[in-house]
């Protein structure tokens, strides 16, 4: 359920822990919020920042005072947000030493308009080695009225030295039924649309809310699915043309290219689920009939092997291999339809 004061869906354990920290005045100087993408890490960090500056004196965010409102609008002078920078078009880089030097200058000053300064690092796994070392020195003993909140999708990439100085808060994917109930009853989304979004969200409320606000997400996903369906029966020349297109997208916007591969992966996963007779677990509900027909052309082994190939390609792209070569190899491994039944 949504906590009445924090408005965080399905993360009651994390909300309770932070509420107790606030009530008993035992706020840590640094928190590390860990969880999959789009499960509410940034929302929780924002709520904590609001609670630390709220004028209601209840040690919980009222969400309506001037402090809470300015923080929600990201215009509060004492709330700083750091994330990967954008250079060379939209290609992502590291959170660099320049950001941490800015932090060093800020923390020695008193908060300007609130009672606490909060410094939020989104995607803390992207801190450069130099930035991590400098940040470590700051969070080891920050001046009073400074709270650091680091957010990460991948805790394995956070240096152990920083881990040991942060109080860890874990968030998790939530139940599809919770998301569906929220879409139906709190947002009045039509049932068919709500069921599809809740299923596609895979426990990520943030993604579901983005899909409601921006129908482009579903449109792009449809295009990616239709593209893979076409590729399955296309010539090698066309496949290599698509490989070239996606590789260019990868270098321009790595996140969008990753979403495309993830959508393709969901298609082959769904076909494997169908082959095993578990159609109720299909992710792409609106493509069930299409995938059922497509799955007749492949054996379980073919589908499983190609699913592994896509997962392997995702890992290789994360390791910065040549994107075009990786994608061309992926399409070379695409199994031929064989009417397996």
Protein backbone atom coordinates (compact mmCIF):
# COMPACT_ATOMS: atom_id res chain seq x y z
CA UNK A 1 0.00 0.00 0.00
CA UNK A 2 1.03 3.67 -0.28
CA UNK A 3 2.23 5.13 3.00
CA UNK A 4 -0.06 8.09 3.73
CA UNK A 5 2.79 10.52 4.38
CA UNK A 6 5.58 9.26 2.14
CA UNK A 7 3.45 8.18 -0.86
CA UNK A 8 5.77 5.28 -1.64
CA UNK A 9 4.08 2.19 -3.07
CA UNK A 10 5.08 -1.24 -1.82
CA UNK A 11 8.28 -0.27 0.00
CA UNK A 12 6.89 -0.28 3.54
CA UNK A 13 10.04 -1.73 5.12
CA UNK A 14 12.28 1.04 3.78
CA UNK A 15 9.76 3.75 4.74
CA UNK A 16 9.41 2.36 8.26
CA UNK A 17 13.18 2.26 8.75
CA UNK A 18 13.68 5.85 7.64
CA UNK A 19 10.69 7.02 9.68
CA UNK A 20 12.21 5.48 12.81
CA UNK A 21 15.57 7.08 12.01
CA UNK A 22 13.83 10.45 11.83
CA UNK A 23 11.67 9.98 14.94
CA UNK A 24 14.62 8.83 17.06
CA UNK A 25 16.99 11.43 15.61
CA UNK A 26 19.49 8.87 14.33
CA UNK A 27 19.83 9.97 10.74
CA UNK A 28 22.98 8.62 9.13
CA UNK A 29 25.40 11.00 7.44
CA UNK A 30 25.26 8.81 4.33
CA UNK A 31 22.65 6.40 2.89
CA UNK A 32 22.97 3.96 0.01
CA UNK A 33 19.60 3.12 -1.58
CA UNK A 34 19.85 -0.06 -3.63
CA UNK A 35 17.35 -1.56 -6.05
CA UNK A 36 16.42 -2.28 -9.68
CA UNK A 37 15.77 0.65 -12.06
CA UNK A 38 12.48 2.53 -11.65
CA UNK A 39 11.44 1.01 -8.32
CA UNK A 40 11.39 4.32 -6.42
CA UNK A 41 14.97 4.99 -5.32
CA UNK A 42 14.93 8.64 -6.35
CA UNK A 43 11.42 9.15 -4.96
CA UNK A 44 12.54 7.74 -1.60
CA UNK A 45 15.62 9.98 -1.61
CA UNK A 46 13.40 12.98 -2.36
CA UNK A 47 11.04 12.08 0.48
CA UNK A 48 13.95 11.80 2.91
CA UNK A 49 15.24 15.19 1.78
CA UNK A 50 11.76 16.62 2.33
CA UNK A 51 11.47 15.02 5.77
CA UNK A 52 14.83 16.50 6.79
CA UNK A 53 13.68 20.00 5.83
CA UNK A 54 9.90 19.86 6.38
CA UNK A 55 8.47 22.62 8.57
CA UNK A 56 5.66 20.48 9.99
CA UNK A 57 7.86 19.39 12.93
CA UNK A 58 6.52 15.83 12.64
CA UNK A 59 9.82 14.43 11.30
CA UNK A 60 7.92 13.12 8.29
CA UNK A 61 7.37 14.82 4.92
CA UNK A 62 4.09 16.74 4.86
CA UNK A 63 4.51 17.24 1.06
CA UNK A 64 2.67 20.58 1.22
CA UNK A 65 4.88 23.12 3.04
CA UNK A 66 7.17 25.46 1.11
CA UNK A 67 10.22 23.30 1.83
CA UNK A 68 8.58 20.08 0.61
CA UNK A 69 7.14 21.78 -2.46
CA UNK A 70 10.43 23.37 -3.52
CA UNK A 71 12.24 20.06 -3.09
CA UNK A 72 9.66 18.20 -5.20
CA UNK A 73 10.13 20.81 -7.93
CA UNK A 74 13.94 20.41 -7.70
CA UNK A 75 14.44 24.14 -7.03
CA UNK A 76 15.57 23.96 -3.39
CA UNK A 77 18.96 25.61 -2.84
CA UNK A 78 20.12 22.97 -0.36
CA UNK A 79 19.28 19.88 -2.40
CA UNK A 80 21.96 18.96 -4.94
CA UNK A 81 21.56 16.16 -7.47
CA UNK A 82 24.50 14.60 -9.29
CA UNK A 83 24.30 12.08 -12.12
CA UNK A 84 26.15 10.97 -15.21
CA UNK A 85 26.93 13.85 -17.50
CA UNK A 86 26.16 13.94 -21.20
CA UNK A 87 28.86 14.52 -23.81
CA UNK A 88 29.23 13.66 -27.48
CA UNK A 89 25.53 14.00 -28.12
CA UNK A 90 23.80 11.80 -25.54
CA UNK A 91 26.53 9.31 -24.74
CA UNK A 92 26.88 8.80 -21.00
CA UNK A 93 30.11 9.33 -19.11
CA UNK A 94 31.18 9.07 -15.48
CA UNK A 95 30.31 11.24 -12.50
CA UNK A 96 33.61 13.04 -12.35
CA UNK A 97 35.92 14.63 -9.85
CA UNK A 98 34.54 18.06 -10.73
CA UNK A 99 31.20 17.18 -9.14
CA UNK A 100 32.85 16.01 -5.93
CA UNK A 101 35.02 19.14 -5.76
CA UNK A 102 31.78 21.11 -5.91
CA UNK A 103 30.45 19.00 -3.04
CA UNK A 104 33.58 19.72 -1.00
CA UNK A 105 32.95 23.44 -1.34
CA UNK A 106 29.26 23.15 -0.44
CA UNK A 107 29.44 21.04 2.71
CA UNK A 108 31.55 23.58 4.64
CA UNK A 109 28.77 26.15 4.27
CA UNK A 110 25.59 26.28 6.34
CA UNK A 111 22.33 25.34 4.59
CA UNK A 112 20.93 28.36 2.77
CA UNK A 113 17.14 27.98 2.90
CA UNK A 114 16.45 24.76 4.82
CA UNK A 115 17.66 23.01 7.95
CA UNK A 116 19.69 20.33 6.15
CA UNK A 117 21.70 20.07 2.97
CA UNK A 118 21.08 16.83 1.05
CA UNK A 119 23.43 15.64 -1.69
CA UNK A 120 21.95 12.96 -3.95
CA UNK A 121 24.04 10.86 -6.33
CA UNK A 122 21.87 9.12 -8.93
CA UNK A 123 23.66 6.18 -10.51
CA UNK A 124 26.42 6.19 -7.92
CA UNK A 125 27.99 3.19 -9.68
CA UNK A 126 29.09 5.67 -12.36
CA UNK A 127 31.41 7.57 -10.05
CA UNK A 128 34.92 7.62 -11.51
CA UNK A 129 37.67 6.11 -9.38
CA UNK A 130 39.05 9.56 -8.63
CA UNK A 131 35.59 10.88 -7.73
CA UNK A 132 34.90 7.86 -5.50
CA UNK A 133 38.11 8.38 -3.57
CA UNK A 134 37.41 12.07 -3.09
CA UNK A 135 33.79 11.43 -2.08
CA UNK A 136 34.93 8.84 0.45
CA UNK A 137 36.96 11.47 2.27
CA UNK A 138 33.96 13.80 2.41
CA UNK A 139 31.43 11.26 3.71
CA UNK A 140 33.84 9.88 6.33
CA UNK A 141 33.30 12.98 8.45
CA UNK A 142 30.99 15.57 6.90
CA UNK A 143 30.10 18.76 8.78
CA UNK A 144 26.72 18.71 10.57
CA UNK A 145 23.54 19.33 8.57
CA UNK A 146 24.83 17.42 5.53
CA UNK A 147 23.30 14.12 4.43
CA UNK A 148 24.54 12.12 1.44
CA UNK A 149 22.19 9.78 -0.44
CA UNK A 150 23.71 7.46 -3.04
CA UNK A 151 21.40 5.57 -5.40
CA UNK A 152 22.48 2.50 -7.35
CA UNK A 153 21.07 -0.25 -9.56
CA UNK A 154 24.26 -2.30 -9.20
CA UNK A 155 25.76 -2.53 -5.75
CA UNK A 156 28.60 -4.71 -7.05
CA UNK A 157 30.06 -1.61 -8.70
CA UNK A 158 30.12 0.45 -5.49
CA UNK A 159 33.57 0.42 -3.81
CA UNK A 160 33.63 -1.47 -0.52
CA UNK A 161 35.11 1.56 1.21
CA UNK A 162 32.04 3.64 0.36
CA UNK A 163 29.67 0.78 1.19
CA UNK A 164 31.12 0.56 4.69
CA UNK A 165 30.39 4.23 5.37
CA UNK A 166 26.75 4.22 4.22
CA UNK A 167 23.59 2.95 5.85
CA UNK A 168 22.07 0.64 3.24
CA UNK A 169 18.38 0.73 2.30
CA UNK A 170 17.13 -1.96 -0.09
CA UNK A 171 14.17 -1.50 -2.43
CA UNK A 172 12.66 -4.29 -4.48
CA UNK A 173 10.36 -4.93 -7.40
CA UNK A 174 6.77 -4.90 -6.14
CA UNK A 175 3.82 -7.09 -6.96
CA UNK A 176 1.99 -6.67 -10.25
CA UNK A 177 -1.29 -6.58 -8.33
CA UNK A 178 -0.16 -3.51 -6.37
CA UNK A 179 0.71 -1.64 -9.55
CA UNK A 180 -2.54 -2.70 -11.22
CA UNK A 181 -4.60 -1.59 -8.24
CA UNK A 182 -2.84 1.78 -8.21
CA UNK A 183 -3.43 2.32 -11.94
CA UNK A 184 -7.09 1.31 -11.74
CA UNK A 185 -8.13 2.97 -8.51
CA UNK A 186 -5.78 5.91 -8.06
CA UNK A 187 -5.22 6.90 -11.69
CA UNK A 188 -8.45 5.64 -13.31
CA UNK A 189 -6.60 3.97 -16.19
CA UNK A 190 -8.87 1.75 -18.37
CA UNK A 191 -8.58 -1.88 -17.31
CA UNK A 192 -7.09 -3.33 -20.50
CA UNK A 193 -4.42 -0.62 -20.64
CA UNK A 194 -3.76 -0.88 -16.91
CA UNK A 195 -3.28 -4.66 -17.06
CA UNK A 196 -0.82 -4.36 -19.93
CA UNK A 197 1.21 -1.61 -18.24
CA UNK A 198 1.23 -3.45 -14.91
CA UNK A 199 2.53 -6.58 -16.61
CA UNK A 200 5.15 -4.75 -18.69
CA UNK A 201 6.34 -2.86 -15.60
CA UNK A 202 7.75 -6.08 -14.11
CA UNK A 203 7.46 -4.70 -10.59
CA UNK A 204 8.78 -1.23 -11.48
CA UNK A 205 6.21 1.35 -10.43
CA UNK A 206 8.35 4.16 -11.84
CA UNK A 207 8.23 2.60 -15.30
CA UNK A 208 4.45 2.15 -15.05
CA UNK A 209 3.96 5.81 -14.17
CA UNK A 210 6.23 6.86 -17.05
CA UNK A 211 4.22 4.68 -19.44
CA UNK A 212 0.98 6.35 -18.32
CA UNK A 213 2.44 9.84 -18.66
CA UNK A 214 4.25 9.13 -21.92
CA UNK A 215 2.48 6.75 -24.35
CA UNK A 216 5.61 7.00 -26.53
CA UNK A 217 7.17 4.29 -24.34
CA UNK A 218 4.57 1.76 -25.45
CA UNK A 219 4.77 2.92 -29.07
CA UNK A 220 8.55 2.46 -29.17
CA UNK A 221 8.21 -0.94 -27.53
CA UNK A 222 5.68 -1.94 -30.20
CA UNK A 223 8.09 -0.83 -32.92
CA UNK A 224 10.91 -2.88 -31.36
CA UNK A 225 8.75 -5.99 -31.17
CA UNK A 226 7.51 -5.59 -34.74
CA UNK A 227 11.07 -5.02 -35.93
CA UNK A 228 12.28 -8.29 -34.41
CA UNK A 229 9.30 -10.16 -35.88
CA UNK A 230 10.24 -8.83 -39.33
CA UNK A 231 13.91 -9.68 -38.82
CA UNK A 232 13.04 -13.29 -38.02
CA UNK A 233 12.14 -13.86 -41.69
CA UNK A 234 14.28 -11.22 -43.39
CA UNK A 235 17.45 -11.50 -45.44
CA UNK A 236 20.91 -11.21 -43.92
CA UNK A 237 21.36 -7.91 -45.75
CA UNK A 238 18.36 -6.40 -43.94
CA UNK A 239 19.51 -7.82 -40.61
CA UNK A 240 22.92 -6.21 -41.01
CA UNK A 241 21.22 -2.93 -41.89
CA UNK A 242 19.29 -3.12 -38.62
CA UNK A 243 22.53 -3.99 -36.79
CA UNK A 244 24.04 -0.81 -38.21
CA UNK A 245 21.03 1.26 -37.11
CA UNK A 246 21.05 -0.08 -33.56
CA UNK A 247 24.82 0.30 -33.23
CA UNK A 248 24.51 3.98 -34.21
CA UNK A 249 21.73 4.36 -31.66
CA UNK A 250 23.97 2.67 -29.07
CA UNK A 251 26.69 5.27 -29.52
CA UNK A 252 24.17 8.10 -29.48
CA UNK A 253 21.93 6.88 -26.66
CA UNK A 254 23.06 3.75 -24.90
CA UNK A 255 19.93 3.57 -22.76
CA UNK A 256 17.54 3.47 -25.74
CA UNK A 257 19.61 0.80 -27.46
CA UNK A 258 19.57 -1.22 -24.26
CA UNK A 259 15.79 -0.91 -24.11
CA UNK A 260 15.56 -2.29 -27.65
CA UNK A 261 17.59 -5.37 -26.77
CA UNK A 262 15.57 -5.85 -23.60
CA UNK A 263 12.34 -5.74 -25.63
CA UNK A 264 13.72 -8.30 -28.08
CA UNK A 265 14.68 -10.46 -25.12
CA UNK A 266 11.13 -10.28 -23.78
CA UNK A 267 9.82 -11.53 -27.14
CA UNK A 268 12.01 -14.65 -27.12
CA UNK A 269 11.36 -15.23 -23.43
CA UNK A 270 7.62 -15.07 -24.04
CA UNK A 271 7.90 -17.56 -26.90
CA UNK A 272 9.79 -19.95 -24.63
CA UNK A 273 7.12 -19.54 -21.95
CA UNK A 274 4.46 -20.33 -24.55
CA UNK A 275 6.36 -23.43 -25.70
CA UNK A 276 6.24 -24.68 -22.13
CA UNK A 277 2.49 -24.02 -21.90
CA UNK A 278 2.60 -21.16 -19.38
CA UNK A 279 0.75 -18.51 -21.36
CA UNK A 280 -0.56 -16.75 -18.25
CA UNK A 281 3.03 -15.66 -17.52
CA UNK A 282 3.61 -13.95 -20.87
CA UNK A 283 4.89 -10.41 -20.43
CA UNK A 284 3.65 -8.92 -23.71
CA UNK A 285 -0.03 -9.70 -23.22
CA UNK A 286 -1.16 -7.82 -26.32
CA UNK A 287 1.15 -9.90 -28.54
CA UNK A 288 0.10 -13.29 -27.18
CA UNK A 289 -1.58 -14.51 -30.38
CA UNK A 290 1.32 -13.26 -32.54
CA UNK A 291 3.94 -14.93 -30.35
CA UNK A 292 1.92 -18.13 -30.17
CA UNK A 293 1.98 -18.34 -33.96
CA UNK A 294 5.66 -17.42 -34.17
CA UNK A 295 6.64 -20.01 -31.57
CA UNK A 296 5.33 -22.78 -33.83
CA UNK A 297 8.30 -22.14 -36.12
CA UNK A 298 10.99 -22.83 -33.53
CA UNK A 299 11.97 -25.57 -31.13
CA UNK A 300 12.44 -24.95 -27.42
CA UNK A 301 16.18 -25.43 -27.90
CA UNK A 302 16.36 -22.85 -30.69
CA UNK A 303 14.45 -20.29 -28.64
CA UNK A 304 16.46 -20.93 -25.46
CA UNK A 305 19.77 -20.65 -27.30
CA UNK A 306 18.83 -17.39 -28.98
CA UNK A 307 17.59 -15.96 -25.70
CA UNK A 308 21.05 -16.69 -24.29
CA UNK A 309 22.60 -15.02 -27.33
CA UNK A 310 20.69 -11.80 -26.64
CA UNK A 311 21.70 -11.87 -22.97
CA UNK A 312 25.32 -12.42 -24.04
CA UNK A 313 25.10 -9.47 -26.45
CA UNK A 314 23.77 -7.23 -23.67
CA UNK A 315 26.75 -8.13 -21.52
CA UNK A 316 29.22 -7.52 -24.34
CA UNK A 317 27.75 -4.11 -25.09
CA UNK A 318 28.08 -3.20 -21.41
CA UNK A 319 31.75 -4.19 -21.73
CA UNK A 320 32.13 -1.68 -24.58
CA UNK A 321 32.84 -4.11 -27.40
CA UNK A 322 32.29 -2.89 -30.95
CA UNK A 323 28.50 -2.51 -31.09
CA UNK A 324 28.08 -3.19 -34.79
CA UNK A 325 30.20 -6.35 -34.70
CA UNK A 326 28.30 -7.57 -31.63
CA UNK A 327 24.89 -7.01 -33.22
CA UNK A 328 25.89 -8.52 -36.56
CA UNK A 329 27.01 -11.65 -34.68
CA UNK A 330 23.68 -11.67 -32.86
CA UNK A 331 21.76 -11.67 -36.14
CA UNK A 332 24.04 -14.31 -37.65
CA UNK A 333 22.96 -16.58 -34.79
CA UNK A 334 19.25 -15.96 -35.40
CA UNK A 335 17.65 -19.39 -35.87
CA UNK A 336 15.84 -20.15 -39.09
CA UNK A 337 12.09 -20.87 -38.90
CA UNK A 338 11.61 -24.61 -39.12
CA UNK A 339 7.92 -25.20 -38.34
CA UNK A 340 8.69 -27.21 -35.24
CA UNK A 341 5.18 -27.11 -33.89
